[in-house]
Amino acid sequence: MEQERALALRVVMMPRDTNVYGTVFGGVILSYIDQAGFVECRRHGRHRWVTASMDRVDFKAPVQVGDIVSLYARPTRMGTKSITVQIDVEAERYAGTEVAHVTQATVTLVSVGPDGRPIPFRDPPTFVG
């Protein structure tokens, strides 16, 4: 299943996102990875989606205040109740035109019904509001 990646999320990094060293917390990036996975899964079914797993995340480059972080999503596996999504994270530098590859992660999300049990994501929408 070879699909092209799609922009799932784009965020400007702010001072509140940084650690004492002036770089963006890894946890902030992890949160955006999780959200980007949700955005991709939501394209395939309007249900509640919960994160089942996230693989190892190795940071290749720091993210600074003012950088525009783009998260691209590409489904790599589609089951009946879950979708595995590859997320690529890039930072467009505030002080120039350079784009740095920050990290990559694979996230698996599961569609669940109102009772929290897994359901086929191709079923009619269950999430209202």
C-alpha atoms as a PDB file:
ATOM      1  CA  MET A   1       0.000   0.000   0.000  1.00  0.00           C
ATOM      2  CA  GLU A   2       2.071   2.903  -1.267  1.00  0.00           C
ATOM      3  CA  GLN A   3       0.388   6.265  -0.711  1.00  0.00           C
ATOM      4  CA  GLU A   4       1.822   9.731  -0.932  1.00  0.00           C
ATOM      5  CA  ARG A   5       2.298  11.710   2.214  1.00  0.00           C
ATOM      6  CA  ALA A   6      -0.105  14.541   2.954  1.00  0.00           C
ATOM      7  CA  LEU A   7       0.322  17.591   5.141  1.00  0.00           C
ATOM      8  CA  ALA A   8      -1.521  16.822   8.369  1.00  0.00           C
ATOM      9  CA  LEU A   9      -0.420  19.682  10.622  1.00  0.00           C
ATOM     10  CA  ARG A  10       1.675  22.861  10.518  1.00  0.00           C
ATOM     11  CA  VAL A  11       2.613  24.746  13.687  1.00  0.00           C
ATOM     12  CA  VAL A  12       4.786  27.760  14.561  1.00  0.00           C
ATOM     13  CA  MET A  13       6.950  27.055  17.600  1.00  0.00           C
ATOM     14  CA  MET A  14       6.527  29.581  20.394  1.00  0.00           C
ATOM     15  CA  PRO A  15       8.580  30.407  23.513  1.00  0.00           C
ATOM     16  CA  ARG A  16       6.129  28.420  25.694  1.00  0.00           C
ATOM     17  CA  ASP A  17       7.202  25.262  23.780  1.00  0.00           C
ATOM     18  CA  THR A  18      10.851  25.461  24.819  1.00  0.00           C
ATOM     19  CA  ASN A  19      13.025  23.935  27.513  1.00  0.00           C
ATOM     20  CA  VAL A  20      15.691  25.764  29.551  1.00  0.00           C
ATOM     21  CA  TYR A  21      18.137  25.351  26.640  1.00  0.00           C
ATOM     22  CA  GLY A  22      15.929  27.316  24.263  1.00  0.00           C
ATOM     23  CA  THR A  23      14.961  24.385  22.059  1.00  0.00           C
ATOM     24  CA  VAL A  24      11.505  22.900  21.730  1.00  0.00           C
ATOM     25  CA  PHE A  25      10.660  20.079  24.151  1.00  0.00           C
ATOM     26  CA  GLY A  26      10.652  16.632  22.556  1.00  0.00           C
ATOM     27  CA  GLY A  27       7.303  16.032  24.251  1.00  0.00           C
ATOM     28  CA  VAL A  28       5.776  18.932  22.330  1.00  0.00           C
ATOM     29  CA  ILE A  29       6.854  17.315  19.056  1.00  0.00           C
ATOM     30  CA  LEU A  30       5.542  13.923  20.243  1.00  0.00           C
ATOM     31  CA  SER A  31       2.166  15.507  20.959  1.00  0.00           C
ATOM     32  CA  TYR A  32       2.041  16.949  17.438  1.00  0.00           C
ATOM     33  CA  ILE A  33       3.001  13.543  15.991  1.00  0.00           C
ATOM     34  CA  ASP A  34       0.037  12.036  17.845  1.00  0.00           C
ATOM     35  CA  GLN A  35      -2.281  14.761  16.527  1.00  0.00           C
ATOM     36  CA  ALA A  36      -1.032  14.325  12.954  1.00  0.00           C
ATOM     37  CA  GLY A  37      -1.788  10.613  13.195  1.00  0.00           C
ATOM     38  CA  PHE A  38      -5.314  11.441  14.322  1.00  0.00           C
ATOM     39  CA  VAL A  39      -5.781  13.885  11.425  1.00  0.00           C
ATOM     40  CA  GLU A  40      -4.823  11.178   8.922  1.00  0.00           C
ATOM     41  CA  CYS A  41      -7.057   8.544  10.542  1.00  0.00           C
ATOM     42  CA  ARG A  42     -10.001  10.941  10.670  1.00  0.00           C
ATOM     43  CA  ARG A  43      -9.824  11.120   6.869  1.00  0.00           C
ATOM     44  CA  HIS A  44     -10.731   7.417   6.815  1.00  0.00           C
ATOM     45  CA  GLY A  45     -13.517   7.320   9.406  1.00  0.00           C
ATOM     46  CA  ARG A  46     -15.366   9.773  11.626  1.00  0.00           C
ATOM     47  CA  HIS A  47     -14.973   7.894  14.873  1.00  0.00           C
ATOM     48  CA  ARG A  48     -13.145   8.318  18.109  1.00  0.00           C
ATOM     49  CA  TRP A  49      -9.515   7.384  17.428  1.00  0.00           C
ATOM     50  CA  VAL A  50      -7.151   6.366  20.193  1.00  0.00           C
ATOM     51  CA  THR A  51      -3.410   5.864  19.971  1.00  0.00           C
ATOM     52  CA  ALA A  52      -2.424   2.244  20.466  1.00  0.00           C
ATOM     53  CA  SER A  53       1.310   2.585  19.862  1.00  0.00           C
ATOM     54  CA  MET A  54       4.108   4.840  18.717  1.00  0.00           C
ATOM     55  CA  ASP A  55       7.439   3.437  17.631  1.00  0.00           C
ATOM     56  CA  ARG A  56      10.863   4.711  18.578  1.00  0.00           C
ATOM     57  CA  VAL A  57      11.401   8.396  17.875  1.00  0.00           C
ATOM     58  CA  ASP A  58      14.963   9.568  17.276  1.00  0.00           C
ATOM     59  CA  PHE A  59      15.459  13.313  17.021  1.00  0.00           C
ATOM     60  CA  LYS A  60      17.874  14.242  14.226  1.00  0.00           C
ATOM     61  CA  ALA A  61      17.778  18.031  14.580  1.00  0.00           C
ATOM     62  CA  PRO A  62      16.605  20.518  17.220  1.00  0.00           C
ATOM     63  CA  VAL A  63      13.588  22.756  16.736  1.00  0.00           C
ATOM     64  CA  GLN A  64      13.880  26.434  17.659  1.00  0.00           C
ATOM     65  CA  VAL A  65      11.417  29.178  18.554  1.00  0.00           C
ATOM     66  CA  GLY A  66       9.906  30.603  15.374  1.00  0.00           C
ATOM     67  CA  ASP A  67      10.493  27.490  13.272  1.00  0.00           C
ATOM     68  CA  ILE A  68       7.487  26.315  11.289  1.00  0.00           C
ATOM     69  CA  VAL A  69       7.075  22.619  11.956  1.00  0.00           C
ATOM     70  CA  SER A  70       5.272  20.585   9.299  1.00  0.00           C
ATOM     71  CA  LEU A  71       4.028  17.068   9.962  1.00  0.00           C
ATOM     72  CA  TYR A  72       3.322  14.873   6.965  1.00  0.00           C
ATOM     73  CA  ALA A  73       1.292  11.683   7.276  1.00  0.00           C
ATOM     74  CA  ARG A  74       1.189   8.570   5.123  1.00  0.00           C
ATOM     75  CA  PRO A  75      -0.823   5.460   5.996  1.00  0.00           C
ATOM     76  CA  THR A  76       1.361   2.373   5.788  1.00  0.00           C
ATOM     77  CA  ARG A  77      -1.124  -0.256   6.958  1.00  0.00           C
ATOM     78  CA  MET A  78      -4.897  -0.233   7.046  1.00  0.00           C
ATOM     79  CA  GLY A  79      -6.583  -2.980   9.023  1.00  0.00           C
ATOM     80  CA  THR A  80     -10.290  -3.142   9.739  1.00  0.00           C
ATOM     81  CA  LYS A  81     -10.159  -1.353  13.113  1.00  0.00           C
ATOM     82  CA  SER A  82      -6.743   0.302  13.051  1.00  0.00           C
ATOM     83  CA  ILE A  83      -4.511   2.376  10.822  1.00  0.00           C
ATOM     84  CA  THR A  84      -0.731   2.625  11.024  1.00  0.00           C
ATOM     85  CA  VAL A  85       0.594   5.991   9.909  1.00  0.00           C
ATOM     86  CA  GLN A  86       4.132   7.164   9.192  1.00  0.00           C
ATOM     87  CA  ILE A  87       4.686  10.738  10.318  1.00  0.00           C
ATOM     88  CA  ASP A  88       7.573  12.818   8.932  1.00  0.00           C
ATOM     89  CA  VAL A  89       8.469  15.955  10.885  1.00  0.00           C
ATOM     90  CA  GLU A  90      10.295  18.863   9.229  1.00  0.00           C
ATOM     91  CA  ALA A  91      11.250  22.301  10.542  1.00  0.00           C
ATOM     92  CA  GLU A  92      11.435  25.322   8.281  1.00  0.00           C
ATOM     93  CA  ARG A  93      13.982  27.525   9.970  1.00  0.00           C
ATOM     94  CA  TYR A  94      12.853  30.949  11.163  1.00  0.00           C
ATOM     95  CA  ALA A  95      16.155  32.558  10.270  1.00  0.00           C
ATOM     96  CA  GLY A  96      16.427  31.285   6.701  1.00  0.00           C
ATOM     97  CA  THR A  97      15.108  28.988   4.020  1.00  0.00           C
ATOM     98  CA  GLU A  98      16.629  25.748   5.325  1.00  0.00           C
ATOM     99  CA  VAL A  99      14.280  22.853   6.010  1.00  0.00           C
ATOM    100  CA  ALA A 100      15.595  20.346   8.566  1.00  0.00           C
ATOM    101  CA  HIS A 101      14.399  16.758   8.918  1.00  0.00           C
ATOM    102  CA  VAL A 102      13.569  16.560  12.628  1.00  0.00           C
ATOM    103  CA  THR A 103      12.269  13.030  13.091  1.00  0.00           C
ATOM    104  CA  GLN A 104      10.012  10.281  11.824  1.00  0.00           C
ATOM    105  CA  ALA A 105       7.601   8.066  13.723  1.00  0.00           C
ATOM    106  CA  THR A 106       5.100   5.321  13.070  1.00  0.00           C
ATOM    107  CA  VAL A 107       1.854   5.587  15.010  1.00  0.00           C
ATOM    108  CA  THR A 108      -1.000   3.084  15.169  1.00  0.00           C
ATOM    109  CA  LEU A 109      -4.472   4.339  16.032  1.00  0.00           C
ATOM    110  CA  VAL A 110      -7.628   2.323  16.663  1.00  0.00           C
ATOM    111  CA  SER A 111     -11.183   3.443  15.954  1.00  0.00           C
ATOM    112  CA  VAL A 112     -13.470   2.986  18.939  1.00  0.00           C
ATOM    113  CA  GLY A 113     -17.179   3.361  19.511  1.00  0.00           C
ATOM    114  CA  PRO A 114     -18.877   5.308  22.308  1.00  0.00           C
ATOM    115  CA  ASP A 115     -18.224   2.380  24.672  1.00  0.00           C
ATOM    116  CA  GLY A 116     -14.466   2.517  23.991  1.00  0.00           C
ATOM    117  CA  ARG A 117     -14.384  -0.822  22.173  1.00  0.00           C
ATOM    118  CA  PRO A 118     -12.670  -1.158  18.780  1.00  0.00           C
ATOM    119  CA  ILE A 119     -14.975  -0.899  15.769  1.00  0.00           C
ATOM    120  CA  PRO A 120     -14.387  -1.143  12.008  1.00  0.00           C
ATOM    121  CA  PHE A 121     -13.443   2.328  10.836  1.00  0.00           C
ATOM    122  CA  ARG A 122     -15.367   1.917   7.594  1.00  0.00           C
ATOM    123  CA  ASP A 123     -18.616   1.709   9.615  1.00  0.00           C
ATOM    124  CA  PRO A 124     -20.962   4.727   9.596  1.00  0.00           C
ATOM    125  CA  PRO A 125     -19.690   7.646  11.686  1.00  0.00           C
ATOM    126  CA  THR A 126     -20.048   7.253  15.437  1.00  0.00           C
ATOM    127  CA  PHE A 127     -18.479  10.481  16.634  1.00  0.00           C
ATOM    128  CA  VAL A 128     -20.937  13.337  17.005  1.00  0.00           C
ATOM    129  CA  GLY A 129     -19.530  16.456  18.585  1.00  0.00           C
END
